[in-house]
């Protein structure tokens, strides 16, 4: 299954309220991981 930007953005919208109640370090680590997933998905699409 290819990850589309639309799918990833939908997942981010779902996770946003959960991340708001977490410590800043947790949020930053989560954003970093999601960024890596998005980068990998973008590279595999082409």
C-alpha atoms as a PDB file:
ATOM      1  CA  UNK A   1       0.000   0.000   0.000  1.00  0.00           C
ATOM      2  CA  UNK A   2       1.388   3.353  -0.971  1.00  0.00           C
ATOM      3  CA  UNK A   3       1.029   6.120   1.544  1.00  0.00           C
ATOM      4  CA  UNK A   4      -0.552   9.190   0.043  1.00  0.00           C
ATOM      5  CA  UNK A   5      -0.207  12.703   1.384  1.00  0.00           C
ATOM      6  CA  UNK A   6      -3.987  12.792   1.825  1.00  0.00           C
ATOM      7  CA  UNK A   7      -3.902   9.674   4.017  1.00  0.00           C
ATOM      8  CA  UNK A   8      -1.021  10.968   6.127  1.00  0.00           C
ATOM      9  CA  UNK A   9      -2.690  14.348   6.613  1.00  0.00           C
ATOM     10  CA  UNK A  10      -5.868  12.603   7.737  1.00  0.00           C
ATOM     11  CA  UNK A  11      -3.834  10.640  10.276  1.00  0.00           C
ATOM     12  CA  UNK A  12      -2.213  13.848  11.502  1.00  0.00           C
ATOM     13  CA  UNK A  13      -5.629  15.433  11.982  1.00  0.00           C
ATOM     14  CA  UNK A  14      -6.669  12.457  14.112  1.00  0.00           C
ATOM     15  CA  UNK A  15      -3.500  12.577  16.193  1.00  0.00           C
ATOM     16  CA  UNK A  16      -3.450  16.337  16.740  1.00  0.00           C
ATOM     17  CA  UNK A  17      -5.792  16.385  19.770  1.00  0.00           C
ATOM     18  CA  UNK A  18      -3.841  13.540  21.357  1.00  0.00           C
ATOM     19  CA  UNK A  19      -0.526  15.300  20.907  1.00  0.00           C
ATOM     20  CA  UNK A  20      -1.787  18.530  22.433  1.00  0.00           C
ATOM     21  CA  UNK A  21      -2.066  16.886  25.866  1.00  0.00           C
ATOM     22  CA  UNK A  22       1.400  15.341  25.792  1.00  0.00           C
ATOM     23  CA  UNK A  23       4.749  16.747  26.915  1.00  0.00           C
ATOM     24  CA  UNK A  24       6.596  18.831  24.345  1.00  0.00           C
ATOM     25  CA  UNK A  25       9.372  16.248  23.921  1.00  0.00           C
ATOM     26  CA  UNK A  26       6.836  13.535  23.059  1.00  0.00           C
ATOM     27  CA  UNK A  27       5.174  15.813  20.510  1.00  0.00           C
ATOM     28  CA  UNK A  28       8.482  16.687  18.868  1.00  0.00           C
ATOM     29  CA  UNK A  29       9.533  13.033  18.650  1.00  0.00           C
ATOM     30  CA  UNK A  30       6.173  12.113  17.152  1.00  0.00           C
ATOM     31  CA  UNK A  31       6.393  14.904  14.588  1.00  0.00           C
ATOM     32  CA  UNK A  32       9.909  13.810  13.677  1.00  0.00           C
ATOM     33  CA  UNK A  33       8.773  10.214  13.124  1.00  0.00           C
ATOM     34  CA  UNK A  34       5.808  11.318  11.034  1.00  0.00           C
ATOM     35  CA  UNK A  35       8.109  13.512   8.972  1.00  0.00           C
ATOM     36  CA  UNK A  36      10.349  10.535   8.276  1.00  0.00           C
ATOM     37  CA  UNK A  37       7.331   8.454   7.242  1.00  0.00           C
ATOM     38  CA  UNK A  38       6.108  11.212   4.929  1.00  0.00           C
ATOM     39  CA  UNK A  39       9.585  11.568   3.416  1.00  0.00           C
ATOM     40  CA  UNK A  40       9.846   7.817   2.853  1.00  0.00           C
ATOM     41  CA  UNK A  41       6.365   7.725   1.341  1.00  0.00           C
ATOM     42  CA  UNK A  42       7.187  10.567  -1.013  1.00  0.00           C
ATOM     43  CA  UNK A  43      10.380   8.839  -2.143  1.00  0.00           C
ATOM     44  CA  UNK A  44       8.611   5.531  -2.821  1.00  0.00           C
ATOM     45  CA  UNK A  45       5.839   7.156  -4.873  1.00  0.00           C
ATOM     46  CA  UNK A  46       8.219   8.022  -7.679  1.00  0.00           C
END
